[in-house]
Amino acid sequence: MTDISIERINPKSDVPDLVSLNRKDSETSEPVNLAEWQHLSRMERWQQGGPWLDRATLALHLDVMEEAGGIVLIARTAELLVGELELLFETHVSKTPQAFITWMVVHPGFRHKGIGSQLVNHAAQLARKQGCKQLFTTAENAEATQFFEANRFHIIDHEGQFSKTLKPFRKPPTLNIQQISLQWKQRKHTPMGFEPILGINYTSEYIWSYLRNTDHLYRMLAADVPRPKLWLLRQDEKEALTVDYPFLRIWLAETHTNDIEFLTSVLTITEYLSWKNGVTQLSVFSHRNRYAFLKERGYQLKQERPFLALKL
């Protein structure tokens, strides 16, 4: 096992090394033409490579993570930063604190040396101190699934990516749903249940925390970029969250019910807002209990990934 130290990131000094780590990882998966990036705005860099491959976007991402109550751990050898893990905490509707590993990367030259396991063990200790009973994550591929299972995680569900080609809307849908401005301070827990997530491949819990900081995010990204409109769609005791903005393209719904009429209304609004913002091919991420619902409405399953949990 490689001799390393695990510590919390120092945003003032570790950003350059962390960018180098993530660029090195990108070279083995989806290489980015960094020369072309010099002519892109900060928002365009964020869109094309995520926040980790550029110093300005990474600094912003770390700022948002801190405001969301997240923890960023790094692994170091004597000379090199070789690993990163991002941990986010949320309070579920049951008022039980929950912890999520939302991002993890190990330097390609230092894999299979126990570094990932040390990062996960450290994250588990922090989650336990926060009163969490389980540590959750998703695996992007078979190798990641094998890694987490080797570290005592168990598959508890699957998340599928569905796709549908949208047809033009001749007029906006008229649905019996109340649309009100979202007040984050009045929200005490994460929306769970039916959660279509468009354009960003994360769990709904992470996106929920991330959206809480949307105003701050966009204020720092670009002063001339209008902030997204955050709305609650409400019907009786059922709620959905919608973000009307072409970059984010995220819609979440909290139902705790199998009210097909309400779910259909939420999905119709999702499709309309997507189409209005120029999206013709809609991607939706959903858990297995909603697979049949989506298939009946013209969606096709394109990819599936496991959702895993570690008992603490």
C-alpha atoms as a PDB file:
ATOM      1  CA  MET A   1       0.000   0.000   0.000  1.00  0.00           C
ATOM      2  CA  THR A   2       1.344   3.401  -0.995  1.00  0.00           C
ATOM      3  CA  ASP A   3       2.310   5.667   1.906  1.00  0.00           C
ATOM      4  CA  ILE A   4      -0.036   8.640   1.595  1.00  0.00           C
ATOM      5  CA  SER A   5      -1.738  11.218   3.753  1.00  0.00           C
ATOM      6  CA  ILE A   6      -5.460  12.026   3.597  1.00  0.00           C
ATOM      7  CA  GLU A   7      -6.447  15.616   4.336  1.00  0.00           C
ATOM      8  CA  ARG A   8      -9.028  18.236   3.500  1.00  0.00           C
ATOM      9  CA  ILE A   9      -8.276  20.361   0.488  1.00  0.00           C
ATOM     10  CA  ASN A  10      -6.785  23.833   0.831  1.00  0.00           C
ATOM     11  CA  PRO A  11      -8.552  25.849  -1.911  1.00  0.00           C
ATOM     12  CA  LYS A  12      -5.864  28.524  -1.826  1.00  0.00           C
ATOM     13  CA  SER A  13      -2.946  26.221  -2.592  1.00  0.00           C
ATOM     14  CA  ASP A  14      -4.225  22.857  -3.895  1.00  0.00           C
ATOM     15  CA  VAL A  15      -6.252  23.960  -6.933  1.00  0.00           C
ATOM     16  CA  PRO A  16      -3.375  23.766  -9.482  1.00  0.00           C
ATOM     17  CA  ASP A  17      -2.391  20.262  -8.345  1.00  0.00           C
ATOM     18  CA  LEU A  18      -6.007  19.112  -8.357  1.00  0.00           C
ATOM     19  CA  VAL A  19      -6.505  20.406 -11.907  1.00  0.00           C
ATOM     20  CA  SER A  20      -3.381  18.498 -12.962  1.00  0.00           C
ATOM     21  CA  LEU A  21      -4.743  15.322 -11.363  1.00  0.00           C
ATOM     22  CA  ASN A  22      -8.094  15.561 -13.120  1.00  0.00           C
ATOM     23  CA  ARG A  23      -6.511  16.428 -16.468  1.00  0.00           C
ATOM     24  CA  LYS A  24      -4.290  13.381 -16.125  1.00  0.00           C
ATOM     25  CA  ASP A  25      -7.376  11.269 -15.482  1.00  0.00           C
ATOM     26  CA  SER A  26      -9.137  12.878 -18.460  1.00  0.00           C
ATOM     27  CA  GLU A  27      -6.289  11.826 -20.757  1.00  0.00           C
ATOM     28  CA  THR A  28      -7.231   8.173 -20.174  1.00  0.00           C
ATOM     29  CA  SER A  29     -10.967   8.644 -20.760  1.00  0.00           C
ATOM     30  CA  GLU A  30     -12.180  11.749 -22.619  1.00  0.00           C
ATOM     31  CA  PRO A  31      -9.228  13.967 -23.579  1.00  0.00           C
ATOM     32  CA  VAL A  32      -9.974  17.695 -23.781  1.00  0.00           C
ATOM     33  CA  ASN A  33      -8.310  19.978 -26.307  1.00  0.00           C
ATOM     34  CA  LEU A  34      -6.922  22.450 -23.810  1.00  0.00           C
ATOM     35  CA  ALA A  35      -5.598  24.751 -26.537  1.00  0.00           C
ATOM     36  CA  GLU A  36      -9.149  25.466 -27.649  1.00  0.00           C
ATOM     37  CA  TRP A  37     -10.145  26.275 -24.075  1.00  0.00           C
ATOM     38  CA  GLN A  38      -8.110  29.479 -24.119  1.00  0.00           C
ATOM     39  CA  HIS A  39     -10.822  31.074 -26.262  1.00  0.00           C
ATOM     40  CA  LEU A  40     -13.789  29.865 -24.180  1.00  0.00           C
ATOM     41  CA  SER A  41     -15.608  31.680 -21.411  1.00  0.00           C
ATOM     42  CA  ARG A  42     -15.602  30.243 -17.908  1.00  0.00           C
ATOM     43  CA  MET A  43     -19.149  28.963 -18.376  1.00  0.00           C
ATOM     44  CA  GLU A  44     -18.252  27.274 -21.683  1.00  0.00           C
ATOM     45  CA  ARG A  45     -15.281  25.562 -20.017  1.00  0.00           C
ATOM     46  CA  TRP A  46     -17.580  24.378 -17.257  1.00  0.00           C
ATOM     47  CA  GLN A  47     -20.036  22.971 -19.786  1.00  0.00           C
ATOM     48  CA  GLN A  48     -17.443  21.170 -21.894  1.00  0.00           C
ATOM     49  CA  GLY A  49     -15.241  19.680 -19.192  1.00  0.00           C
ATOM     50  CA  GLY A  50     -17.007  20.029 -15.899  1.00  0.00           C
ATOM     51  CA  PRO A  51     -15.459  22.133 -13.135  1.00  0.00           C
ATOM     52  CA  TRP A  52     -12.353  20.011 -12.545  1.00  0.00           C
ATOM     53  CA  LEU A  53     -10.202  20.687 -15.615  1.00  0.00           C
ATOM     54  CA  ASP A  54      -9.763  24.442 -15.284  1.00  0.00           C
ATOM     55  CA  ARG A  55      -8.458  26.498 -12.350  1.00  0.00           C
ATOM     56  CA  ALA A  56     -11.177  29.138 -12.480  1.00  0.00           C
ATOM     57  CA  THR A  57     -14.046  26.668 -12.704  1.00  0.00           C
ATOM     58  CA  LEU A  58     -12.545  24.364 -10.069  1.00  0.00           C
ATOM     59  CA  ALA A  59     -12.091  27.241  -7.626  1.00  0.00           C
ATOM     60  CA  LEU A  60     -15.739  28.125  -8.140  1.00  0.00           C
ATOM     61  CA  HIS A  61     -16.823  24.503  -7.717  1.00  0.00           C
ATOM     62  CA  LEU A  62     -14.943  24.219  -4.414  1.00  0.00           C
ATOM     63  CA  ASP A  63     -16.583  27.430  -3.241  1.00  0.00           C
ATOM     64  CA  VAL A  64     -20.034  26.053  -4.032  1.00  0.00           C
ATOM     65  CA  MET A  65     -19.190  22.732  -2.357  1.00  0.00           C
ATOM     66  CA  GLU A  66     -18.170  24.558   0.807  1.00  0.00           C
ATOM     67  CA  GLU A  67     -21.396  26.547   0.876  1.00  0.00           C
ATOM     68  CA  ALA A  68     -23.357  23.317   0.404  1.00  0.00           C
ATOM     69  CA  GLY A  69     -21.633  21.828   3.454  1.00  0.00           C
ATOM     70  CA  GLY A  70     -19.546  19.407   1.415  1.00  0.00           C
ATOM     71  CA  ILE A  71     -16.080  18.079   2.198  1.00  0.00           C
ATOM     72  CA  VAL A  72     -13.311  17.614  -0.376  1.00  0.00           C
ATOM     73  CA  LEU A  73     -10.604  15.135   0.598  1.00  0.00           C
ATOM     74  CA  ILE A  74      -7.266  14.776  -1.162  1.00  0.00           C
ATOM     75  CA  ALA A  75      -4.618  12.065  -1.059  1.00  0.00           C
ATOM     76  CA  ARG A  76      -0.928  12.986  -1.201  1.00  0.00           C
ATOM     77  CA  THR A  77       2.334  11.173  -1.493  1.00  0.00           C
ATOM     78  CA  ALA A  78       5.460  12.982  -0.389  1.00  0.00           C
ATOM     79  CA  GLU A  79       5.600  14.860  -3.695  1.00  0.00           C
ATOM     80  CA  LEU A  80       2.316  14.528  -5.553  1.00  0.00           C
ATOM     81  CA  LEU A  81      -1.455  14.924  -5.163  1.00  0.00           C
ATOM     82  CA  VAL A  82      -2.732  11.528  -6.303  1.00  0.00           C
ATOM     83  CA  GLY A  83      -6.398  11.317  -5.322  1.00  0.00           C
ATOM     84  CA  GLU A  84      -9.581  13.243  -4.597  1.00  0.00           C
ATOM     85  CA  LEU A  85     -12.965  12.427  -3.067  1.00  0.00           C
ATOM     86  CA  GLU A  86     -15.948  14.757  -2.695  1.00  0.00           C
ATOM     87  CA  LEU A  87     -18.428  14.089   0.101  1.00  0.00           C
ATOM     88  CA  LEU A  88     -21.816  15.725   0.462  1.00  0.00           C
ATOM     89  CA  PHE A  89     -24.284  15.562   3.338  1.00  0.00           C
ATOM     90  CA  GLU A  90     -28.054  15.843   3.149  1.00  0.00           C
ATOM     91  CA  THR A  91     -31.040  15.395   5.430  1.00  0.00           C
ATOM     92  CA  HIS A  92     -33.671  13.091   3.998  1.00  0.00           C
ATOM     93  CA  VAL A  93     -37.404  13.520   4.524  1.00  0.00           C
ATOM     94  CA  SER A  94     -37.071  11.076   7.432  1.00  0.00           C
ATOM     95  CA  LYS A  95     -34.736  13.664   9.056  1.00  0.00           C
ATOM     96  CA  THR A  96     -31.901  11.151   8.947  1.00  0.00           C
ATOM     97  CA  PRO A  97     -28.565  12.617   7.808  1.00  0.00           C
ATOM     98  CA  GLN A  98     -27.155  10.920   4.741  1.00  0.00           C
ATOM     99  CA  ALA A  99     -23.747  11.058   3.071  1.00  0.00           C
ATOM    100  CA  PHE A 100     -22.933  10.766  -0.631  1.00  0.00           C
ATOM    101  CA  ILE A 101     -19.662  10.310  -2.483  1.00  0.00           C
ATOM    102  CA  THR A 102     -20.307  12.508  -5.505  1.00  0.00           C
ATOM    103  CA  TRP A 103     -16.874  12.507  -7.156  1.00  0.00           C
ATOM    104  CA  MET A 104     -13.745  10.410  -6.830  1.00  0.00           C
ATOM    105  CA  VAL A 105     -10.574  10.176  -8.872  1.00  0.00           C
ATOM    106  CA  VAL A 106      -7.165   8.509  -8.432  1.00  0.00           C
ATOM    107  CA  HIS A 107      -4.090   9.293 -10.509  1.00  0.00           C
ATOM    108  CA  PRO A 108      -3.785   6.663 -13.310  1.00  0.00           C
ATOM    109  CA  GLY A 109      -0.207   5.901 -12.285  1.00  0.00           C
ATOM    110  CA  PHE A 110      -1.164   5.205  -8.665  1.00  0.00           C
ATOM    111  CA  ARG A 111      -4.215   3.001  -9.031  1.00  0.00           C
ATOM    112  CA  HIS A 112      -4.502  -0.453  -7.428  1.00  0.00           C
ATOM    113  CA  LYS A 113      -2.309   0.715  -4.545  1.00  0.00           C
ATOM    114  CA  GLY A 114      -5.020   1.183  -1.920  1.00  0.00           C
ATOM    115  CA  ILE A 115      -5.381   4.949  -2.323  1.00  0.00           C
ATOM    116  CA  GLY A 116      -9.038   4.823  -3.295  1.00  0.00           C
ATOM    117  CA  SER A 117      -9.813   2.574  -0.338  1.00  0.00           C
ATOM    118  CA  GLN A 118      -8.090   4.956   2.053  1.00  0.00           C
ATOM    119  CA  LEU A 119     -10.122   7.855   0.704  1.00  0.00           C
ATOM    120  CA  VAL A 120     -13.363   5.891   1.089  1.00  0.00           C
ATOM    121  CA  ASN A 121     -12.468   4.787   4.627  1.00  0.00           C
ATOM    122  CA  HIS A 122     -11.741   8.369   5.625  1.00  0.00           C
ATOM    123  CA  ALA A 123     -15.039   9.515   4.095  1.00  0.00           C
ATOM    124  CA  ALA A 124     -16.877   6.776   6.018  1.00  0.00           C
ATOM    125  CA  GLN A 125     -15.344   7.977   9.289  1.00  0.00           C
ATOM    126  CA  LEU A 126     -16.471  11.545   8.603  1.00  0.00           C
ATOM    127  CA  ALA A 127     -19.972  10.371   7.678  1.00  0.00           C
ATOM    128  CA  ARG A 128     -20.207   8.334  10.879  1.00  0.00           C
ATOM    129  CA  LYS A 129     -19.256  11.386  12.950  1.00  0.00           C
ATOM    130  CA  GLN A 130     -22.096  13.288  11.242  1.00  0.00           C
ATOM    131  CA  GLY A 131     -24.563  10.665  12.483  1.00  0.00           C
ATOM    132  CA  CYS A 132     -25.036   8.992   9.101  1.00  0.00           C
ATOM    133  CA  LYS A 133     -26.043   5.336   9.038  1.00  0.00           C
ATOM    134  CA  GLN A 134     -25.059   4.736   5.406  1.00  0.00           C
ATOM    135  CA  LEU A 135     -22.681   6.120   2.803  1.00  0.00           C
ATOM    136  CA  PHE A 136     -24.077   6.216  -0.752  1.00  0.00           C
ATOM    137  CA  THR A 137     -22.565   6.498  -4.219  1.00  0.00           C
ATOM    138  CA  THR A 138     -23.102   5.527  -7.845  1.00  0.00           C
ATOM    139  CA  ALA A 139     -20.701   3.634 -10.089  1.00  0.00           C
ATOM    140  CA  GLU A 140     -20.073   4.764 -13.651  1.00  0.00           C
ATOM    141  CA  ASN A 141     -18.775   1.436 -14.964  1.00  0.00           C
ATOM    142  CA  ALA A 142     -18.000  -2.174 -14.085  1.00  0.00           C
ATOM    143  CA  GLU A 143     -14.545  -1.355 -12.740  1.00  0.00           C
ATOM    144  CA  ALA A 144     -15.958   1.253 -10.362  1.00  0.00           C
ATOM    145  CA  THR A 145     -18.673  -1.184  -9.256  1.00  0.00           C
ATOM    146  CA  GLN A 146     -16.063  -3.836  -8.455  1.00  0.00           C
ATOM    147  CA  PHE A 147     -14.028  -1.285  -6.494  1.00  0.00           C
ATOM    148  CA  PHE A 148     -16.933  -0.223  -4.283  1.00  0.00           C
ATOM    149  CA  GLU A 149     -18.106  -3.788  -3.743  1.00  0.00           C
ATOM    150  CA  ALA A 150     -14.567  -4.692  -2.686  1.00  0.00           C
ATOM    151  CA  ASN A 151     -14.869  -1.885  -0.133  1.00  0.00           C
ATOM    152  CA  ARG A 152     -18.052  -3.401   1.403  1.00  0.00           C
ATOM    153  CA  PHE A 153     -20.608  -1.412  -0.615  1.00  0.00           C
ATOM    154  CA  HIS A 154     -23.742  -3.249  -1.746  1.00  0.00           C
ATOM    155  CA  ILE A 155     -25.950  -2.499  -4.744  1.00  0.00           C
ATOM    156  CA  ILE A 156     -29.344  -1.337  -3.475  1.00  0.00           C
ATOM    157  CA  ASP A 157     -30.860   0.035  -6.674  1.00  0.00           C
ATOM    158  CA  HIS A 158     -30.122   0.904 -10.286  1.00  0.00           C
ATOM    159  CA  GLU A 159     -30.372   4.216 -12.082  1.00  0.00           C
ATOM    160  CA  GLY A 160     -31.186   4.164 -15.778  1.00  0.00           C
ATOM    161  CA  GLN A 161     -30.551   6.780 -18.438  1.00  0.00           C
ATOM    162  CA  PHE A 162     -33.513   7.101 -20.777  1.00  0.00           C
ATOM    163  CA  SER A 163     -33.735   9.059 -24.001  1.00  0.00           C
ATOM    164  CA  LYS A 164     -36.572  10.482 -26.085  1.00  0.00           C
ATOM    165  CA  THR A 165     -36.731  12.652 -29.201  1.00  0.00           C
ATOM    166  CA  LEU A 166     -39.078  15.549 -28.469  1.00  0.00           C
ATOM    167  CA  LYS A 167     -41.747  16.608 -30.912  1.00  0.00           C
ATOM    168  CA  PRO A 168     -42.563  20.332 -31.302  1.00  0.00           C
ATOM    169  CA  PHE A 169     -45.142  21.745 -28.919  1.00  0.00           C
ATOM    170  CA  ARG A 170     -47.797  23.750 -30.740  1.00  0.00           C
ATOM    171  CA  LYS A 171     -48.799  25.465 -27.501  1.00  0.00           C
ATOM    172  CA  PRO A 172     -47.760  25.332 -23.824  1.00  0.00           C
ATOM    173  CA  PRO A 173     -49.425  22.581 -21.792  1.00  0.00           C
ATOM    174  CA  THR A 174     -52.308  23.697 -19.589  1.00  0.00           C
ATOM    175  CA  LEU A 175     -52.049  21.682 -16.398  1.00  0.00           C
ATOM    176  CA  ASN A 176     -53.662  22.040 -13.007  1.00  0.00           C
ATOM    177  CA  ILE A 177     -50.405  22.628 -11.121  1.00  0.00           C
ATOM    178  CA  GLN A 178     -49.535  25.641  -8.989  1.00  0.00           C
ATOM    179  CA  GLN A 179     -46.205  27.259  -9.944  1.00  0.00           C
ATOM    180  CA  ILE A 180     -44.534  29.335  -7.228  1.00  0.00           C
ATOM    181  CA  SER A 181     -41.065  30.791  -6.671  1.00  0.00           C
ATOM    182  CA  LEU A 182     -38.766  28.508  -4.717  1.00  0.00           C
ATOM    183  CA  GLN A 183     -37.625  29.598  -1.255  1.00  0.00           C
ATOM    184  CA  TRP A 184     -34.618  27.504  -0.265  1.00  0.00           C
ATOM    185  CA  LYS A 185     -34.753  28.539   3.393  1.00  0.00           C
ATOM    186  CA  GLN A 186     -38.150  26.909   3.732  1.00  0.00           C
ATOM    187  CA  ARG A 187     -36.898  23.578   2.392  1.00  0.00           C
ATOM    188  CA  LYS A 188     -35.495  21.256   5.036  1.00  0.00           C
ATOM    189  CA  HIS A 189     -34.895  18.031   3.140  1.00  0.00           C
ATOM    190  CA  THR A 190     -34.020  16.465  -0.185  1.00  0.00           C
ATOM    191  CA  PRO A 191     -36.654  15.637  -2.803  1.00  0.00           C
ATOM    192  CA  MET A 192     -36.842  11.887  -3.293  1.00  0.00           C
ATOM    193  CA  GLY A 193     -38.812   9.521  -5.475  1.00  0.00           C
ATOM    194  CA  PHE A 194     -39.203  10.448  -9.122  1.00  0.00           C
ATOM    195  CA  GLU A 195     -36.227  12.490 -10.221  1.00  0.00           C
ATOM    196  CA  PRO A 196     -35.558  13.175 -13.896  1.00  0.00           C
ATOM    197  CA  ILE A 197     -32.102  14.740 -14.122  1.00  0.00           C
ATOM    198  CA  LEU A 198     -31.210  16.328 -17.422  1.00  0.00           C
ATOM    199  CA  GLY A 199     -27.713  16.955 -18.685  1.00  0.00           C
ATOM    200  CA  ILE A 200     -25.837  16.255 -15.441  1.00  0.00           C
ATOM    201  CA  ASN A 201     -25.220  12.667 -14.391  1.00  0.00           C
ATOM    202  CA  TYR A 202     -25.481  12.922 -10.608  1.00  0.00           C
ATOM    203  CA  THR A 203     -27.879  11.774  -7.925  1.00  0.00           C
ATOM    204  CA  SER A 204     -30.828  13.995  -7.111  1.00  0.00           C
ATOM    205  CA  GLU A 205     -29.461  14.586  -3.615  1.00  0.00           C
ATOM    206  CA  TYR A 206     -26.292  16.201  -4.934  1.00  0.00           C
ATOM    207  CA  ILE A 207     -28.162  18.324  -7.451  1.00  0.00           C
ATOM    208  CA  TRP A 208     -30.539  19.501  -4.728  1.00  0.00           C
ATOM    209  CA  SER A 209     -27.632  20.867  -2.682  1.00  0.00           C
ATOM    210  CA  TYR A 210     -25.964  22.232  -5.775  1.00  0.00           C
ATOM    211  CA  LEU A 211     -29.065  24.152  -6.817  1.00  0.00           C
ATOM    212  CA  ARG A 212     -29.279  25.765  -3.406  1.00  0.00           C
ATOM    213  CA  ASN A 213     -26.215  27.711  -4.456  1.00  0.00           C
ATOM    214  CA  THR A 214     -27.326  28.468  -8.006  1.00  0.00           C
ATOM    215  CA  ASP A 215     -27.573  32.219  -7.528  1.00  0.00           C
ATOM    216  CA  HIS A 216     -24.048  32.332  -6.171  1.00  0.00           C
ATOM    217  CA  LEU A 217     -22.801  30.027  -8.920  1.00  0.00           C
ATOM    218  CA  TYR A 218     -24.161  32.163 -11.733  1.00  0.00           C
ATOM    219  CA  ARG A 219     -23.158  35.412 -10.100  1.00  0.00           C
ATOM    220  CA  MET A 220     -19.551  34.209 -10.188  1.00  0.00           C
ATOM    221  CA  LEU A 221     -19.676  32.494 -13.586  1.00  0.00           C
ATOM    222  CA  ALA A 222     -20.645  35.553 -15.560  1.00  0.00           C
ATOM    223  CA  ALA A 223     -22.303  38.818 -14.624  1.00  0.00           C
ATOM    224  CA  ASP A 224     -24.142  39.019 -17.934  1.00  0.00           C
ATOM    225  CA  VAL A 225     -25.685  35.539 -17.675  1.00  0.00           C
ATOM    226  CA  PRO A 226     -29.268  35.606 -16.375  1.00  0.00           C
ATOM    227  CA  ARG A 227     -29.844  33.375 -13.381  1.00  0.00           C
ATOM    228  CA  PRO A 228     -32.072  30.298 -13.815  1.00  0.00           C
ATOM    229  CA  LYS A 229     -35.683  30.426 -12.714  1.00  0.00           C
ATOM    230  CA  LEU A 230     -36.293  28.041  -9.842  1.00  0.00           C
ATOM    231  CA  TRP A 231     -39.915  27.016  -9.351  1.00  0.00           C
ATOM    232  CA  LEU A 232     -41.935  24.647  -7.256  1.00  0.00           C
ATOM    233  CA  LEU A 233     -44.753  22.843  -9.012  1.00  0.00           C
ATOM    234  CA  ARG A 234     -47.288  21.973  -6.352  1.00  0.00           C
ATOM    235  CA  GLN A 235     -50.455  19.936  -6.350  1.00  0.00           C
ATOM    236  CA  ASP A 236     -52.042  19.070  -2.993  1.00  0.00           C
ATOM    237  CA  GLU A 237     -49.192  17.562  -0.938  1.00  0.00           C
ATOM    238  CA  LYS A 238     -47.095  16.658  -3.967  1.00  0.00           C
ATOM    239  CA  GLU A 239     -44.223  18.815  -5.214  1.00  0.00           C
ATOM    240  CA  ALA A 240     -41.801  19.027  -8.113  1.00  0.00           C
ATOM    241  CA  LEU A 241     -38.800  21.276  -8.591  1.00  0.00           C
ATOM    242  CA  THR A 242     -38.118  22.744 -12.014  1.00  0.00           C
ATOM    243  CA  VAL A 243     -35.253  24.855 -13.275  1.00  0.00           C
ATOM    244  CA  ASP A 244     -36.086  26.792 -16.410  1.00  0.00           C
ATOM    245  CA  TYR A 245     -32.639  27.400 -17.914  1.00  0.00           C
ATOM    246  CA  PRO A 246     -30.884  25.804 -20.893  1.00  0.00           C
ATOM    247  CA  PHE A 247     -27.522  25.179 -19.187  1.00  0.00           C
ATOM    248  CA  LEU A 248     -28.741  23.345 -16.101  1.00  0.00           C
ATOM    249  CA  ARG A 249     -31.658  21.429 -17.617  1.00  0.00           C
ATOM    250  CA  ILE A 250     -32.537  19.808 -14.331  1.00  0.00           C
ATOM    251  CA  TRP A 251     -35.943  18.825 -13.056  1.00  0.00           C
ATOM    252  CA  LEU A 252     -36.598  16.972  -9.814  1.00  0.00           C
ATOM    253  CA  ALA A 253     -39.870  15.796  -8.361  1.00  0.00           C
ATOM    254  CA  GLU A 254     -40.796  14.804  -4.841  1.00  0.00           C
ATOM    255  CA  THR A 255     -43.892  12.651  -4.685  1.00  0.00           C
ATOM    256  CA  HIS A 256     -43.823   9.813  -2.130  1.00  0.00           C
ATOM    257  CA  THR A 257     -46.732   8.563  -4.189  1.00  0.00           C
ATOM    258  CA  ASN A 258     -47.565   6.715  -7.374  1.00  0.00           C
ATOM    259  CA  ASP A 259     -49.930   9.412  -8.579  1.00  0.00           C
ATOM    260  CA  ILE A 260     -49.520   8.789 -12.304  1.00  0.00           C
ATOM    261  CA  GLU A 261     -51.522  11.881 -13.232  1.00  0.00           C
ATOM    262  CA  PHE A 262     -49.183  14.139 -11.272  1.00  0.00           C
ATOM    263  CA  LEU A 263     -46.042  12.386 -12.571  1.00  0.00           C
ATOM    264  CA  THR A 264     -47.301  12.721 -16.128  1.00  0.00           C
ATOM    265  CA  SER A 265     -47.933  16.439 -15.614  1.00  0.00           C
ATOM    266  CA  VAL A 266     -44.420  16.913 -14.238  1.00  0.00           C
ATOM    267  CA  LEU A 267     -42.897  15.049 -17.174  1.00  0.00           C
ATOM    268  CA  THR A 268     -44.983  17.056 -19.654  1.00  0.00           C
ATOM    269  CA  ILE A 269     -43.714  20.312 -18.138  1.00  0.00           C
ATOM    270  CA  THR A 270     -40.170  18.917 -18.240  1.00  0.00           C
ATOM    271  CA  GLU A 271     -40.503  18.122 -21.939  1.00  0.00           C
ATOM    272  CA  TYR A 272     -42.044  21.488 -22.736  1.00  0.00           C
ATOM    273  CA  LEU A 273     -39.356  23.509 -20.920  1.00  0.00           C
ATOM    274  CA  SER A 274     -36.652  21.399 -22.570  1.00  0.00           C
ATOM    275  CA  TRP A 275     -38.135  21.901 -26.031  1.00  0.00           C
ATOM    276  CA  LYS A 276     -38.579  25.637 -25.396  1.00  0.00           C
ATOM    277  CA  ASN A 277     -34.883  25.853 -24.468  1.00  0.00           C
ATOM    278  CA  GLY A 278     -33.796  24.172 -27.695  1.00  0.00           C
ATOM    279  CA  VAL A 279     -33.415  20.598 -26.422  1.00  0.00           C
ATOM    280  CA  THR A 280     -34.634  18.049 -28.962  1.00  0.00           C
ATOM    281  CA  GLN A 281     -33.119  14.884 -27.482  1.00  0.00           C
ATOM    282  CA  LEU A 282     -34.143  14.565 -23.850  1.00  0.00           C
ATOM    283  CA  SER A 283     -32.123  12.467 -21.370  1.00  0.00           C
ATOM    284  CA  VAL A 284     -33.753  11.365 -18.137  1.00  0.00           C
ATOM    285  CA  PHE A 285     -32.146   9.540 -15.225  1.00  0.00           C
ATOM    286  CA  SER A 286     -34.523   7.527 -13.063  1.00  0.00           C
ATOM    287  CA  HIS A 287     -34.532   4.672 -10.584  1.00  0.00           C
ATOM    288  CA  ARG A 288     -35.975   1.294 -11.499  1.00  0.00           C
ATOM    289  CA  ASN A 289     -39.360   1.894  -9.924  1.00  0.00           C
ATOM    290  CA  ARG A 290     -40.051   4.466 -12.670  1.00  0.00           C
ATOM    291  CA  TYR A 291     -38.748   2.471 -15.647  1.00  0.00           C
ATOM    292  CA  ALA A 292     -42.187   1.261 -16.742  1.00  0.00           C
ATOM    293  CA  PHE A 293     -43.623   4.765 -16.375  1.00  0.00           C
ATOM    294  CA  LEU A 294     -40.997   6.232 -18.709  1.00  0.00           C
ATOM    295  CA  LYS A 295     -41.181   3.420 -21.255  1.00  0.00           C
ATOM    296  CA  GLU A 296     -44.941   3.866 -21.535  1.00  0.00           C
ATOM    297  CA  ARG A 297     -44.312   7.507 -22.462  1.00  0.00           C
ATOM    298  CA  GLY A 298     -41.910   6.842 -25.301  1.00  0.00           C
ATOM    299  CA  TYR A 299     -38.540   6.743 -23.495  1.00  0.00           C
ATOM    300  CA  GLN A 300     -35.883   4.160 -24.306  1.00  0.00           C
ATOM    301  CA  LEU A 301     -33.341   2.827 -21.798  1.00  0.00           C
ATOM    302  CA  LYS A 302     -29.823   3.663 -23.016  1.00  0.00           C
ATOM    303  CA  GLN A 303     -27.616   2.953 -20.026  1.00  0.00           C
ATOM    304  CA  GLU A 304     -27.886   1.690 -16.470  1.00  0.00           C
ATOM    305  CA  ARG A 305     -25.618   2.134 -13.483  1.00  0.00           C
ATOM    306  CA  PRO A 306     -25.804   0.796  -9.898  1.00  0.00           C
ATOM    307  CA  PHE A 307     -26.605   2.848  -6.799  1.00  0.00           C
ATOM    308  CA  LEU A 308     -24.589   1.504  -3.857  1.00  0.00           C
ATOM    309  CA  ALA A 309     -24.573   1.874  -0.077  1.00  0.00           C
ATOM    310  CA  LEU A 310     -22.113   1.155   2.718  1.00  0.00           C
ATOM    311  CA  LYS A 311     -23.532   0.504   6.182  1.00  0.00           C
ATOM    312  CA  LEU A 312     -21.655   2.536   8.788  1.00  0.00           C
END
